[in-house]
N, C-alpha and C. Protein backbone atom coordinates (compact mmCIF):
# COMPACT_ATOMS: atom_id res chain seq x y z
N MET A 1 -0.28 38.52 -4.83
CA MET A 1 -0.49 37.10 -4.51
C MET A 1 0.75 36.30 -4.91
N GLU A 2 1.22 35.44 -4.03
CA GLU A 2 2.37 34.63 -4.33
C GLU A 2 2.04 33.65 -5.46
N MET A 3 3.11 33.24 -6.20
CA MET A 3 2.90 32.35 -7.33
C MET A 3 2.24 31.05 -6.90
N GLY A 4 2.64 30.49 -5.74
CA GLY A 4 2.04 29.24 -5.28
C GLY A 4 0.54 29.39 -5.07
N ARG A 5 0.14 30.51 -4.50
CA ARG A 5 -1.29 30.74 -4.28
C ARG A 5 -2.02 30.94 -5.60
N GLN A 6 -1.37 31.59 -6.56
CA GLN A 6 -1.98 31.76 -7.87
C GLN A 6 -2.25 30.41 -8.52
N HIS A 7 -1.28 29.53 -8.44
CA HIS A 7 -1.45 28.19 -9.00
C HIS A 7 -2.57 27.45 -8.27
N GLN A 8 -2.58 27.57 -6.96
CA GLN A 8 -3.60 26.89 -6.17
C GLN A 8 -4.99 27.37 -6.54
N ALA A 9 -5.15 28.69 -6.65
CA ALA A 9 -6.46 29.26 -6.99
C ALA A 9 -6.90 28.83 -8.39
N ALA A 10 -5.95 28.82 -9.33
CA ALA A 10 -6.29 28.42 -10.70
C ALA A 10 -6.71 26.96 -10.74
N LEU A 11 -5.99 26.11 -10.01
CA LEU A 11 -6.33 24.69 -10.00
C LEU A 11 -7.67 24.45 -9.33
N GLU A 12 -7.93 25.14 -8.22
CA GLU A 12 -9.22 25.00 -7.56
C GLU A 12 -10.35 25.37 -8.50
N ASP A 13 -10.15 26.42 -9.29
CA ASP A 13 -11.17 26.85 -10.24
C ASP A 13 -11.39 25.80 -11.32
N LEU A 14 -10.31 25.25 -11.85
CA LEU A 14 -10.43 24.23 -12.88
C LEU A 14 -11.14 22.99 -12.36
N LEU A 15 -10.78 22.57 -11.13
CA LEU A 15 -11.41 21.39 -10.56
C LEU A 15 -12.89 21.59 -10.30
N GLN A 16 -13.25 22.78 -9.83
CA GLN A 16 -14.65 23.07 -9.54
C GLN A 16 -15.49 23.11 -10.79
N TRP A 17 -14.93 23.66 -11.88
CA TRP A 17 -15.70 23.84 -13.11
C TRP A 17 -15.50 22.71 -14.11
N ARG A 18 -14.66 21.72 -13.76
CA ARG A 18 -14.53 20.56 -14.64
C ARG A 18 -15.76 19.69 -14.48
N ARG A 19 -16.57 19.64 -15.49
CA ARG A 19 -17.82 18.89 -15.43
C ARG A 19 -17.87 17.90 -16.59
N ASP A 20 -18.63 16.83 -16.39
CA ASP A 20 -18.88 15.87 -17.47
C ASP A 20 -19.96 16.48 -18.36
N VAL A 21 -19.55 16.98 -19.53
CA VAL A 21 -20.45 17.74 -20.39
C VAL A 21 -21.18 16.81 -21.35
N ARG A 22 -22.47 17.01 -21.49
CA ARG A 22 -23.29 16.21 -22.42
C ARG A 22 -24.03 17.09 -23.42
N HIS A 23 -24.03 18.40 -23.20
CA HIS A 23 -24.74 19.34 -24.08
C HIS A 23 -23.70 20.23 -24.76
N PHE A 24 -23.54 20.05 -26.07
CA PHE A 24 -22.51 20.76 -26.83
C PHE A 24 -23.12 21.65 -27.90
N ARG A 25 -22.42 22.75 -28.20
CA ARG A 25 -22.74 23.54 -29.38
C ARG A 25 -22.08 22.89 -30.60
N ALA A 26 -22.56 23.26 -31.75
CA ALA A 26 -22.05 22.65 -32.98
C ALA A 26 -20.73 23.27 -33.45
N ASP A 27 -20.31 24.36 -32.84
CA ASP A 27 -19.08 25.04 -33.27
C ASP A 27 -17.90 24.07 -33.27
N PRO A 28 -17.08 24.11 -34.30
CA PRO A 28 -15.92 23.21 -34.33
C PRO A 28 -14.87 23.62 -33.30
N VAL A 29 -14.06 22.67 -32.91
CA VAL A 29 -12.90 22.93 -32.07
C VAL A 29 -11.70 23.10 -33.00
N SER A 30 -10.97 24.18 -32.85
CA SER A 30 -9.90 24.49 -33.80
C SER A 30 -8.78 23.45 -33.72
N PRO A 31 -8.10 23.22 -34.85
CA PRO A 31 -6.95 22.31 -34.83
C PRO A 31 -5.87 22.77 -33.85
N GLU A 32 -5.72 24.10 -33.70
CA GLU A 32 -4.71 24.62 -32.77
C GLU A 32 -5.04 24.22 -31.33
N THR A 33 -6.33 24.29 -30.98
CA THR A 33 -6.75 23.89 -29.64
C THR A 33 -6.50 22.40 -29.42
N LEU A 34 -6.87 21.59 -30.40
CA LEU A 34 -6.64 20.15 -30.27
C LEU A 34 -5.16 19.84 -30.15
N SER A 35 -4.33 20.60 -30.85
CA SER A 35 -2.89 20.39 -30.75
C SER A 35 -2.39 20.70 -29.35
N ARG A 36 -2.92 21.74 -28.73
CA ARG A 36 -2.52 22.07 -27.35
C ARG A 36 -3.00 21.00 -26.37
N LEU A 37 -4.19 20.45 -26.61
CA LEU A 37 -4.69 19.39 -25.74
C LEU A 37 -3.84 18.13 -25.87
N ARG A 38 -3.43 17.85 -27.09
CA ARG A 38 -2.54 16.70 -27.28
C ARG A 38 -1.22 16.92 -26.54
N ALA A 39 -0.69 18.13 -26.61
CA ALA A 39 0.56 18.43 -25.90
C ALA A 39 0.38 18.32 -24.39
N ALA A 40 -0.81 18.69 -23.89
CA ALA A 40 -1.07 18.58 -22.46
C ALA A 40 -0.99 17.12 -22.01
N MET A 41 -1.49 16.21 -22.83
CA MET A 41 -1.42 14.79 -22.48
C MET A 41 0.02 14.31 -22.37
N ASP A 42 0.93 14.96 -23.10
CA ASP A 42 2.34 14.60 -23.00
C ASP A 42 2.89 14.84 -21.60
N CYS A 43 2.23 15.70 -20.82
CA CYS A 43 2.69 16.02 -19.46
C CYS A 43 2.13 15.07 -18.40
N ALA A 44 1.27 14.15 -18.80
CA ALA A 44 0.63 13.26 -17.83
C ALA A 44 1.64 12.25 -17.27
N PRO A 45 1.47 11.85 -16.00
CA PRO A 45 2.36 10.83 -15.44
C PRO A 45 2.04 9.46 -16.01
N ALA A 46 3.04 8.60 -16.07
CA ALA A 46 2.84 7.24 -16.59
C ALA A 46 3.78 6.29 -15.87
N VAL A 47 3.29 5.10 -15.57
CA VAL A 47 4.10 4.11 -14.88
C VAL A 47 5.34 3.79 -15.72
N GLY A 48 6.51 3.91 -15.11
CA GLY A 48 7.75 3.60 -15.82
C GLY A 48 7.97 4.42 -17.06
N ASN A 49 7.28 5.55 -17.17
CA ASN A 49 7.30 6.38 -18.38
C ASN A 49 6.87 5.57 -19.61
N ALA A 50 5.97 4.61 -19.40
CA ALA A 50 5.53 3.76 -20.50
C ALA A 50 4.63 4.49 -21.48
N ARG A 51 3.90 5.51 -21.01
CA ARG A 51 3.03 6.33 -21.86
C ARG A 51 2.17 5.44 -22.77
N PRO A 52 1.31 4.61 -22.16
CA PRO A 52 0.59 3.60 -22.94
C PRO A 52 -0.67 4.10 -23.64
N TRP A 53 -1.03 5.37 -23.47
CA TRP A 53 -2.27 5.83 -24.08
C TRP A 53 -2.10 6.02 -25.59
N ARG A 54 -3.16 5.63 -26.29
CA ARG A 54 -3.22 5.76 -27.75
C ARG A 54 -4.57 6.40 -28.09
N VAL A 55 -4.55 7.50 -28.81
CA VAL A 55 -5.76 8.27 -29.07
C VAL A 55 -6.12 8.20 -30.56
N LEU A 56 -7.35 7.81 -30.82
CA LEU A 56 -7.88 7.84 -32.19
C LEU A 56 -9.00 8.88 -32.24
N GLN A 57 -8.84 9.88 -33.10
CA GLN A 57 -9.88 10.89 -33.30
C GLN A 57 -10.86 10.35 -34.34
N VAL A 58 -12.08 10.10 -33.91
CA VAL A 58 -13.07 9.44 -34.75
C VAL A 58 -13.86 10.51 -35.50
N ASP A 59 -13.51 10.71 -36.76
CA ASP A 59 -14.19 11.70 -37.59
C ASP A 59 -15.11 11.07 -38.62
N ASP A 60 -14.85 9.83 -38.98
CA ASP A 60 -15.61 9.16 -40.04
C ASP A 60 -17.09 9.03 -39.64
N PRO A 61 -18.02 9.55 -40.46
CA PRO A 61 -19.44 9.51 -40.08
C PRO A 61 -19.97 8.09 -39.85
N ALA A 62 -19.51 7.12 -40.64
CA ALA A 62 -19.99 5.75 -40.46
C ALA A 62 -19.52 5.18 -39.12
N LYS A 63 -18.28 5.45 -38.77
CA LYS A 63 -17.77 4.99 -37.48
C LYS A 63 -18.53 5.65 -36.33
N ARG A 64 -18.78 6.95 -36.45
CA ARG A 64 -19.53 7.64 -35.40
C ARG A 64 -20.94 7.06 -35.28
N ALA A 65 -21.57 6.79 -36.39
CA ALA A 65 -22.92 6.22 -36.35
C ALA A 65 -22.90 4.86 -35.66
N ALA A 66 -21.87 4.06 -35.92
CA ALA A 66 -21.76 2.75 -35.27
C ALA A 66 -21.54 2.89 -33.78
N VAL A 67 -20.76 3.88 -33.36
CA VAL A 67 -20.55 4.12 -31.93
C VAL A 67 -21.86 4.53 -31.27
N ILE A 68 -22.61 5.42 -31.92
CA ILE A 68 -23.89 5.86 -31.38
C ILE A 68 -24.85 4.68 -31.25
N ALA A 69 -24.88 3.81 -32.25
CA ALA A 69 -25.76 2.64 -32.20
C ALA A 69 -25.37 1.73 -31.04
N ASP A 70 -24.07 1.57 -30.81
CA ASP A 70 -23.64 0.73 -29.69
C ASP A 70 -24.03 1.37 -28.37
N PHE A 71 -23.87 2.68 -28.26
CA PHE A 71 -24.28 3.37 -27.04
C PHE A 71 -25.77 3.18 -26.78
N GLU A 72 -26.58 3.36 -27.80
CA GLU A 72 -28.03 3.24 -27.60
C GLU A 72 -28.43 1.85 -27.16
N ALA A 73 -27.78 0.82 -27.73
CA ALA A 73 -28.08 -0.56 -27.33
C ALA A 73 -27.63 -0.80 -25.88
N ALA A 74 -26.42 -0.35 -25.54
CA ALA A 74 -25.91 -0.54 -24.19
C ALA A 74 -26.72 0.24 -23.18
N ASN A 75 -27.17 1.42 -23.57
CA ASN A 75 -27.95 2.26 -22.67
C ASN A 75 -29.30 1.62 -22.36
N GLU A 76 -29.91 1.02 -23.36
CA GLU A 76 -31.19 0.35 -23.13
C GLU A 76 -31.01 -0.88 -22.27
N ASP A 77 -29.93 -1.62 -22.49
CA ASP A 77 -29.64 -2.77 -21.63
C ASP A 77 -29.47 -2.34 -20.18
N ALA A 78 -28.78 -1.21 -19.98
CA ALA A 78 -28.57 -0.71 -18.62
C ALA A 78 -29.89 -0.30 -17.99
N ALA A 79 -30.75 0.37 -18.76
CA ALA A 79 -32.04 0.82 -18.23
C ALA A 79 -32.90 -0.36 -17.80
N SER A 80 -32.83 -1.44 -18.54
CA SER A 80 -33.67 -2.60 -18.25
C SER A 80 -33.28 -3.28 -16.95
N GLY A 81 -32.13 -2.95 -16.40
CA GLY A 81 -31.70 -3.56 -15.16
C GLY A 81 -32.24 -2.88 -13.91
N TYR A 82 -32.98 -1.77 -14.09
CA TYR A 82 -33.55 -1.06 -12.95
C TYR A 82 -35.04 -1.38 -12.82
N ASP A 83 -35.59 -1.09 -11.64
CA ASP A 83 -37.04 -1.22 -11.51
C ASP A 83 -37.71 -0.09 -12.29
N ASP A 84 -39.04 -0.16 -12.42
CA ASP A 84 -39.75 0.73 -13.33
C ASP A 84 -39.50 2.21 -13.05
N ASP A 85 -39.61 2.61 -11.78
CA ASP A 85 -39.45 4.03 -11.45
C ASP A 85 -38.03 4.51 -11.71
N THR A 86 -37.05 3.71 -11.29
CA THR A 86 -35.66 4.10 -11.50
C THR A 86 -35.30 4.05 -12.97
N ALA A 87 -35.86 3.08 -13.70
CA ALA A 87 -35.61 2.99 -15.14
C ALA A 87 -36.13 4.23 -15.86
N ALA A 88 -37.29 4.71 -15.45
CA ALA A 88 -37.83 5.92 -16.06
C ALA A 88 -36.94 7.12 -15.77
N GLN A 89 -36.44 7.20 -14.54
CA GLN A 89 -35.53 8.29 -14.20
C GLN A 89 -34.23 8.17 -14.99
N TYR A 90 -33.75 6.95 -15.13
CA TYR A 90 -32.52 6.70 -15.89
C TYR A 90 -32.69 7.14 -17.35
N ARG A 91 -33.80 6.74 -17.96
CA ARG A 91 -34.01 7.07 -19.37
C ARG A 91 -34.17 8.57 -19.59
N ALA A 92 -34.55 9.29 -18.55
CA ALA A 92 -34.70 10.75 -18.68
C ALA A 92 -33.35 11.47 -18.65
N LEU A 93 -32.31 10.78 -18.20
CA LEU A 93 -30.99 11.39 -18.13
C LEU A 93 -30.36 11.47 -19.52
N LYS A 94 -29.67 12.55 -19.79
CA LYS A 94 -28.86 12.64 -21.02
C LYS A 94 -27.46 12.20 -20.64
N LEU A 95 -27.06 11.04 -21.10
CA LEU A 95 -25.82 10.43 -20.63
C LEU A 95 -24.68 10.50 -21.64
N ALA A 96 -24.92 11.13 -22.78
CA ALA A 96 -23.85 11.29 -23.77
C ALA A 96 -24.23 12.40 -24.74
N GLY A 97 -23.19 13.06 -25.26
CA GLY A 97 -23.39 14.08 -26.28
C GLY A 97 -22.83 13.64 -27.61
N LEU A 98 -22.98 12.35 -27.90
CA LEU A 98 -22.34 11.78 -29.09
C LEU A 98 -22.84 12.40 -30.39
N ARG A 99 -24.09 12.76 -30.46
CA ARG A 99 -24.64 13.32 -31.70
C ARG A 99 -24.22 14.78 -31.90
N GLU A 100 -24.03 15.50 -30.80
CA GLU A 100 -23.78 16.93 -30.91
C GLU A 100 -22.29 17.29 -30.90
N ALA A 101 -21.48 16.51 -30.19
CA ALA A 101 -20.08 16.88 -29.99
C ALA A 101 -19.31 16.90 -31.31
N PRO A 102 -18.58 17.96 -31.59
CA PRO A 102 -17.83 18.02 -32.84
C PRO A 102 -16.60 17.11 -32.87
N VAL A 103 -16.10 16.73 -31.68
CA VAL A 103 -14.89 15.90 -31.62
C VAL A 103 -15.18 14.64 -30.80
N HIS A 104 -14.82 13.49 -31.37
CA HIS A 104 -14.88 12.21 -30.65
C HIS A 104 -13.45 11.68 -30.54
N LEU A 105 -13.05 11.30 -29.32
CA LEU A 105 -11.74 10.69 -29.11
C LEU A 105 -11.91 9.33 -28.45
N ALA A 106 -11.41 8.30 -29.10
CA ALA A 106 -11.36 6.97 -28.49
C ALA A 106 -9.96 6.81 -27.91
N VAL A 107 -9.88 6.64 -26.60
CA VAL A 107 -8.58 6.58 -25.92
C VAL A 107 -8.34 5.14 -25.46
N PHE A 108 -7.30 4.54 -25.98
CA PHE A 108 -6.97 3.15 -25.71
C PHE A 108 -5.72 3.05 -24.85
N THR A 109 -5.57 1.90 -24.21
CA THR A 109 -4.34 1.56 -23.50
C THR A 109 -3.63 0.44 -24.24
N GLU A 110 -2.38 0.69 -24.61
CA GLU A 110 -1.54 -0.36 -25.17
C GLU A 110 -1.12 -1.28 -24.02
N THR A 111 -1.51 -2.53 -24.09
CA THR A 111 -1.32 -3.44 -22.96
C THR A 111 0.08 -4.04 -22.89
N ASP A 112 0.89 -3.85 -23.93
CA ASP A 112 2.25 -4.40 -23.91
C ASP A 112 3.21 -3.44 -24.60
N PRO A 113 3.35 -2.23 -24.05
CA PRO A 113 4.21 -1.25 -24.71
C PRO A 113 5.69 -1.58 -24.52
N ASN A 114 6.48 -1.25 -25.53
CA ASN A 114 7.93 -1.40 -25.39
C ASN A 114 8.49 -0.35 -24.43
N GLU A 115 7.88 0.81 -24.43
CA GLU A 115 8.35 1.89 -23.58
C GLU A 115 8.26 1.49 -22.10
N GLY A 116 9.24 1.88 -21.34
CA GLY A 116 9.24 1.61 -19.90
C GLY A 116 9.85 0.28 -19.52
N ALA A 117 9.97 -0.64 -20.46
CA ALA A 117 10.61 -1.94 -20.21
C ALA A 117 10.03 -2.65 -18.99
N GLY A 118 8.73 -2.45 -18.75
CA GLY A 118 8.07 -3.14 -17.66
C GLY A 118 8.23 -2.51 -16.30
N LEU A 119 8.96 -1.41 -16.21
CA LEU A 119 9.23 -0.78 -14.93
C LEU A 119 7.93 -0.37 -14.22
N GLY A 120 7.76 -0.84 -12.96
CA GLY A 120 6.66 -0.41 -12.13
C GLY A 120 5.35 -1.12 -12.36
N ARG A 121 5.33 -2.07 -13.27
CA ARG A 121 4.06 -2.74 -13.55
C ARG A 121 4.14 -4.27 -13.46
N GLN A 122 5.21 -4.79 -12.90
CA GLN A 122 5.33 -6.23 -12.79
C GLN A 122 4.29 -6.81 -11.84
N THR A 123 4.05 -6.14 -10.72
CA THR A 123 3.07 -6.63 -9.75
C THR A 123 1.69 -6.03 -9.95
N MET A 124 1.63 -4.89 -10.65
CA MET A 124 0.34 -4.23 -10.90
C MET A 124 0.26 -3.83 -12.37
N PRO A 125 0.00 -4.79 -13.27
CA PRO A 125 -0.08 -4.46 -14.69
C PRO A 125 -1.20 -3.48 -15.01
N GLU A 126 -2.20 -3.40 -14.11
CA GLU A 126 -3.28 -2.44 -14.33
C GLU A 126 -2.80 -1.00 -14.28
N MET A 127 -1.56 -0.78 -13.83
CA MET A 127 -1.01 0.57 -13.81
C MET A 127 -0.95 1.18 -15.20
N LEU A 128 -0.90 0.34 -16.22
CA LEU A 128 -0.94 0.88 -17.58
C LEU A 128 -2.26 1.60 -17.84
N ALA A 129 -3.37 0.95 -17.50
CA ALA A 129 -4.68 1.58 -17.69
C ALA A 129 -4.82 2.81 -16.79
N TYR A 130 -4.29 2.71 -15.55
CA TYR A 130 -4.36 3.87 -14.66
C TYR A 130 -3.60 5.05 -15.25
N SER A 131 -2.48 4.76 -15.91
CA SER A 131 -1.70 5.82 -16.54
C SER A 131 -2.52 6.50 -17.63
N THR A 132 -3.25 5.71 -18.40
CA THR A 132 -4.11 6.28 -19.43
C THR A 132 -5.18 7.16 -18.82
N VAL A 133 -5.72 6.74 -17.68
CA VAL A 133 -6.73 7.56 -16.99
C VAL A 133 -6.13 8.90 -16.57
N THR A 134 -4.87 8.89 -16.09
CA THR A 134 -4.26 10.17 -15.72
C THR A 134 -4.10 11.07 -16.95
N ALA A 135 -3.81 10.47 -18.10
CA ALA A 135 -3.68 11.26 -19.32
C ALA A 135 -5.04 11.86 -19.72
N ILE A 136 -6.10 11.08 -19.54
CA ILE A 136 -7.44 11.59 -19.83
C ILE A 136 -7.78 12.74 -18.90
N HIS A 137 -7.47 12.58 -17.62
CA HIS A 137 -7.78 13.64 -16.67
C HIS A 137 -6.95 14.90 -16.95
N THR A 138 -5.71 14.72 -17.36
CA THR A 138 -4.88 15.86 -17.75
C THR A 138 -5.50 16.59 -18.94
N LEU A 139 -5.94 15.82 -19.94
CA LEU A 139 -6.64 16.41 -21.08
C LEU A 139 -7.88 17.16 -20.63
N TRP A 140 -8.62 16.58 -19.69
CA TRP A 140 -9.88 17.15 -19.23
C TRP A 140 -9.65 18.53 -18.61
N LEU A 141 -8.64 18.63 -17.73
CA LEU A 141 -8.35 19.90 -17.09
C LEU A 141 -7.83 20.92 -18.11
N ALA A 142 -6.98 20.46 -19.03
CA ALA A 142 -6.48 21.36 -20.06
C ALA A 142 -7.61 21.86 -20.95
N ALA A 143 -8.56 20.99 -21.25
CA ALA A 143 -9.71 21.39 -22.06
C ALA A 143 -10.54 22.44 -21.33
N ARG A 144 -10.73 22.25 -20.05
CA ARG A 144 -11.50 23.23 -19.27
C ARG A 144 -10.82 24.59 -19.31
N ALA A 145 -9.48 24.60 -19.24
CA ALA A 145 -8.74 25.86 -19.33
C ALA A 145 -8.93 26.54 -20.68
N GLU A 146 -9.27 25.74 -21.70
CA GLU A 146 -9.52 26.28 -23.05
C GLU A 146 -11.01 26.57 -23.27
N ASN A 147 -11.83 26.43 -22.20
CA ASN A 147 -13.29 26.57 -22.31
C ASN A 147 -13.89 25.52 -23.24
N ILE A 148 -13.27 24.36 -23.27
CA ILE A 148 -13.78 23.22 -24.03
C ILE A 148 -14.34 22.20 -23.03
N GLY A 149 -15.53 21.69 -23.29
CA GLY A 149 -16.13 20.69 -22.44
C GLY A 149 -15.75 19.28 -22.88
N VAL A 150 -15.70 18.38 -21.92
CA VAL A 150 -15.40 16.98 -22.18
C VAL A 150 -16.48 16.12 -21.52
N GLY A 151 -16.95 15.14 -22.25
CA GLY A 151 -17.87 14.15 -21.70
C GLY A 151 -17.28 12.76 -21.89
N TRP A 152 -17.21 12.01 -20.81
CA TRP A 152 -16.65 10.65 -20.85
C TRP A 152 -17.82 9.68 -20.96
N VAL A 153 -17.89 8.95 -22.06
CA VAL A 153 -18.98 8.01 -22.32
C VAL A 153 -18.52 6.61 -21.92
N SER A 154 -19.15 6.05 -20.91
CA SER A 154 -18.76 4.72 -20.44
C SER A 154 -19.80 3.66 -20.78
N ILE A 155 -20.94 4.08 -21.34
CA ILE A 155 -22.01 3.12 -21.65
C ILE A 155 -21.79 2.61 -23.07
N LEU A 156 -20.72 1.86 -23.22
CA LEU A 156 -20.31 1.32 -24.50
C LEU A 156 -19.69 -0.06 -24.27
N HIS A 157 -19.67 -0.86 -25.33
CA HIS A 157 -19.00 -2.16 -25.26
C HIS A 157 -17.57 -1.99 -25.80
N PRO A 158 -16.55 -2.09 -24.94
CA PRO A 158 -15.18 -1.80 -25.37
C PRO A 158 -14.72 -2.59 -26.59
N ASP A 159 -15.05 -3.88 -26.66
CA ASP A 159 -14.60 -4.69 -27.79
C ASP A 159 -15.23 -4.20 -29.09
N ARG A 160 -16.50 -3.80 -29.03
CA ARG A 160 -17.17 -3.30 -30.24
C ARG A 160 -16.57 -1.99 -30.70
N ILE A 161 -16.24 -1.11 -29.74
CA ILE A 161 -15.65 0.17 -30.11
C ILE A 161 -14.27 -0.06 -30.71
N ALA A 162 -13.51 -0.98 -30.15
CA ALA A 162 -12.20 -1.30 -30.72
C ALA A 162 -12.34 -1.80 -32.16
N ALA A 163 -13.35 -2.64 -32.40
CA ALA A 163 -13.56 -3.16 -33.75
C ALA A 163 -13.98 -2.04 -34.71
N ILE A 164 -14.87 -1.16 -34.24
CA ILE A 164 -15.31 -0.03 -35.08
C ILE A 164 -14.13 0.84 -35.47
N CYS A 165 -13.21 1.03 -34.52
CA CYS A 165 -12.05 1.90 -34.76
C CYS A 165 -10.88 1.18 -35.42
N ASP A 166 -11.03 -0.12 -35.68
CA ASP A 166 -9.94 -0.90 -36.26
C ASP A 166 -8.67 -0.81 -35.41
N ALA A 167 -8.84 -0.87 -34.11
CA ALA A 167 -7.70 -0.76 -33.20
C ALA A 167 -6.90 -2.05 -33.18
N PRO A 168 -5.59 -1.97 -32.96
CA PRO A 168 -4.78 -3.19 -32.83
C PRO A 168 -5.27 -4.05 -31.67
N LYS A 169 -5.00 -5.34 -31.75
CA LYS A 169 -5.49 -6.29 -30.75
C LYS A 169 -4.95 -6.00 -29.35
N SER A 170 -3.78 -5.40 -29.27
CA SER A 170 -3.18 -5.14 -27.96
C SER A 170 -3.69 -3.84 -27.33
N TRP A 171 -4.59 -3.13 -28.02
CA TRP A 171 -5.16 -1.92 -27.47
C TRP A 171 -6.50 -2.23 -26.81
N VAL A 172 -6.70 -1.73 -25.60
CA VAL A 172 -7.95 -1.90 -24.87
C VAL A 172 -8.56 -0.52 -24.63
N LEU A 173 -9.85 -0.39 -24.92
CA LEU A 173 -10.50 0.91 -24.73
C LEU A 173 -10.53 1.28 -23.25
N THR A 174 -10.04 2.48 -22.95
CA THR A 174 -10.11 3.00 -21.59
C THR A 174 -11.17 4.09 -21.48
N GLY A 175 -11.30 4.92 -22.48
CA GLY A 175 -12.30 5.98 -22.42
C GLY A 175 -12.70 6.46 -23.80
N TYR A 176 -13.98 6.76 -23.96
CA TYR A 176 -14.47 7.38 -25.19
C TYR A 176 -14.95 8.78 -24.81
N LEU A 177 -14.35 9.79 -25.42
CA LEU A 177 -14.57 11.17 -25.01
C LEU A 177 -15.27 11.98 -26.09
N CYS A 178 -16.20 12.82 -25.67
CA CYS A 178 -16.81 13.82 -26.53
C CYS A 178 -16.24 15.18 -26.14
N LEU A 179 -15.81 15.98 -27.12
CA LEU A 179 -15.25 17.29 -26.86
C LEU A 179 -15.98 18.34 -27.68
N GLY A 180 -16.14 19.51 -27.09
CA GLY A 180 -16.74 20.61 -27.82
C GLY A 180 -17.03 21.79 -26.90
N HIS A 181 -17.56 22.85 -27.47
CA HIS A 181 -17.94 24.02 -26.69
C HIS A 181 -19.26 23.71 -25.99
N PRO A 182 -19.30 23.83 -24.65
CA PRO A 182 -20.55 23.53 -23.93
C PRO A 182 -21.66 24.50 -24.29
N GLU A 183 -22.89 24.01 -24.24
CA GLU A 183 -24.03 24.91 -24.41
C GLU A 183 -24.08 25.94 -23.30
N ARG A 184 -23.65 25.55 -22.11
CA ARG A 184 -23.59 26.47 -20.97
C ARG A 184 -22.50 25.99 -20.04
N TYR A 185 -22.00 26.91 -19.22
CA TYR A 185 -20.99 26.58 -18.22
C TYR A 185 -21.68 26.43 -16.88
N ASP A 186 -21.34 25.37 -16.18
CA ASP A 186 -22.05 25.04 -14.95
C ASP A 186 -21.08 24.38 -13.98
N ASP A 187 -21.09 24.84 -12.72
CA ASP A 187 -20.21 24.22 -11.73
C ASP A 187 -20.93 23.16 -10.90
N THR A 188 -22.17 22.81 -11.30
CA THR A 188 -22.93 21.79 -10.60
C THR A 188 -23.05 20.54 -11.48
N PRO A 189 -22.63 19.38 -10.99
CA PRO A 189 -22.73 18.16 -11.80
C PRO A 189 -24.16 17.90 -12.26
N LEU A 190 -24.29 17.41 -13.48
CA LEU A 190 -25.61 17.15 -14.06
C LEU A 190 -26.41 16.16 -13.21
N LEU A 191 -25.75 15.14 -12.68
CA LEU A 191 -26.47 14.14 -11.89
C LEU A 191 -26.99 14.73 -10.58
N HIS A 192 -26.37 15.79 -10.09
CA HIS A 192 -26.93 16.50 -8.94
C HIS A 192 -28.23 17.19 -9.35
N ARG A 193 -28.17 17.90 -10.47
CA ARG A 193 -29.35 18.64 -10.93
C ARG A 193 -30.51 17.69 -11.23
N ALA A 194 -30.18 16.50 -11.73
CA ALA A 194 -31.23 15.54 -12.09
C ALA A 194 -31.74 14.76 -10.89
N GLY A 195 -31.14 14.96 -9.73
CA GLY A 195 -31.59 14.26 -8.53
C GLY A 195 -31.18 12.80 -8.49
N TRP A 196 -30.17 12.42 -9.26
CA TRP A 196 -29.74 11.02 -9.27
C TRP A 196 -28.94 10.68 -8.02
N GLN A 197 -27.96 11.51 -7.70
CA GLN A 197 -27.15 11.26 -6.51
C GLN A 197 -26.28 12.47 -6.22
N GLU A 198 -26.16 12.80 -4.95
CA GLU A 198 -25.25 13.85 -4.52
C GLU A 198 -23.84 13.26 -4.33
N THR A 199 -22.87 14.14 -4.30
CA THR A 199 -21.49 13.72 -4.09
C THR A 199 -21.17 13.67 -2.61
N LYS A 200 -20.58 12.57 -2.17
CA LYS A 200 -20.14 12.44 -0.78
C LYS A 200 -18.66 12.79 -0.68
N PRO A 201 -18.24 13.29 0.49
CA PRO A 201 -16.81 13.57 0.66
C PRO A 201 -15.98 12.30 0.49
N THR A 202 -14.75 12.48 0.07
CA THR A 202 -13.84 11.36 -0.10
C THR A 202 -13.61 10.64 1.23
N TYR A 203 -13.71 9.33 1.21
CA TYR A 203 -13.38 8.52 2.39
C TYR A 203 -11.87 8.59 2.60
N TRP A 204 -11.46 9.04 3.77
CA TRP A 204 -10.03 9.20 4.07
C TRP A 204 -9.86 8.94 5.56
N GLU A 205 -9.12 7.90 5.88
CA GLU A 205 -8.96 7.50 7.28
C GLU A 205 -7.50 7.18 7.55
N VAL A 206 -7.04 7.58 8.71
CA VAL A 206 -5.70 7.23 9.15
C VAL A 206 -5.75 5.87 9.83
N VAL A 207 -4.91 4.92 9.36
CA VAL A 207 -4.93 3.56 9.93
C VAL A 207 -3.53 3.20 10.44
């Protein structure tokens, strides 16, 4: 098999098996693995090479408890916005593995980095946050290659999480991630299995 095809096959496998994991085993993730994941983020693209992502590994039990409390409050607020049947279905979903995951990462975007000198973001300052998202996705694929699951928790109040983490004022939360060894490996998204929604093909049109 040619090298290009080998790369293509490996990437297809990673993309297919990259799932939003919510069920974790308690086994710790080794420091060596976390170091490799951090190095993988160094390879992510960034507007103007600004590299605006800032990662805080949340190990403190009190901080984790505060994050979980914020998630539970936000999750209940979200459930209350649905009608009774949909709310019941929503509450039955497991939408975070915050209690089980051995690693919590709060990923912030520095909104005014010195790096890059503003290149590429004068007309689209949101490119800084997009760059952080690419770093998260790079981490996600690298984690999958290590047989580590990642869950992205979005049912949180960003300002509260920033306060819990004592983040600088210029940092804005982009993603809160749970990492750990999955209870099982599955190539089917959880929301498919739960009957919430199927995935539609990407909209792509020539104009």
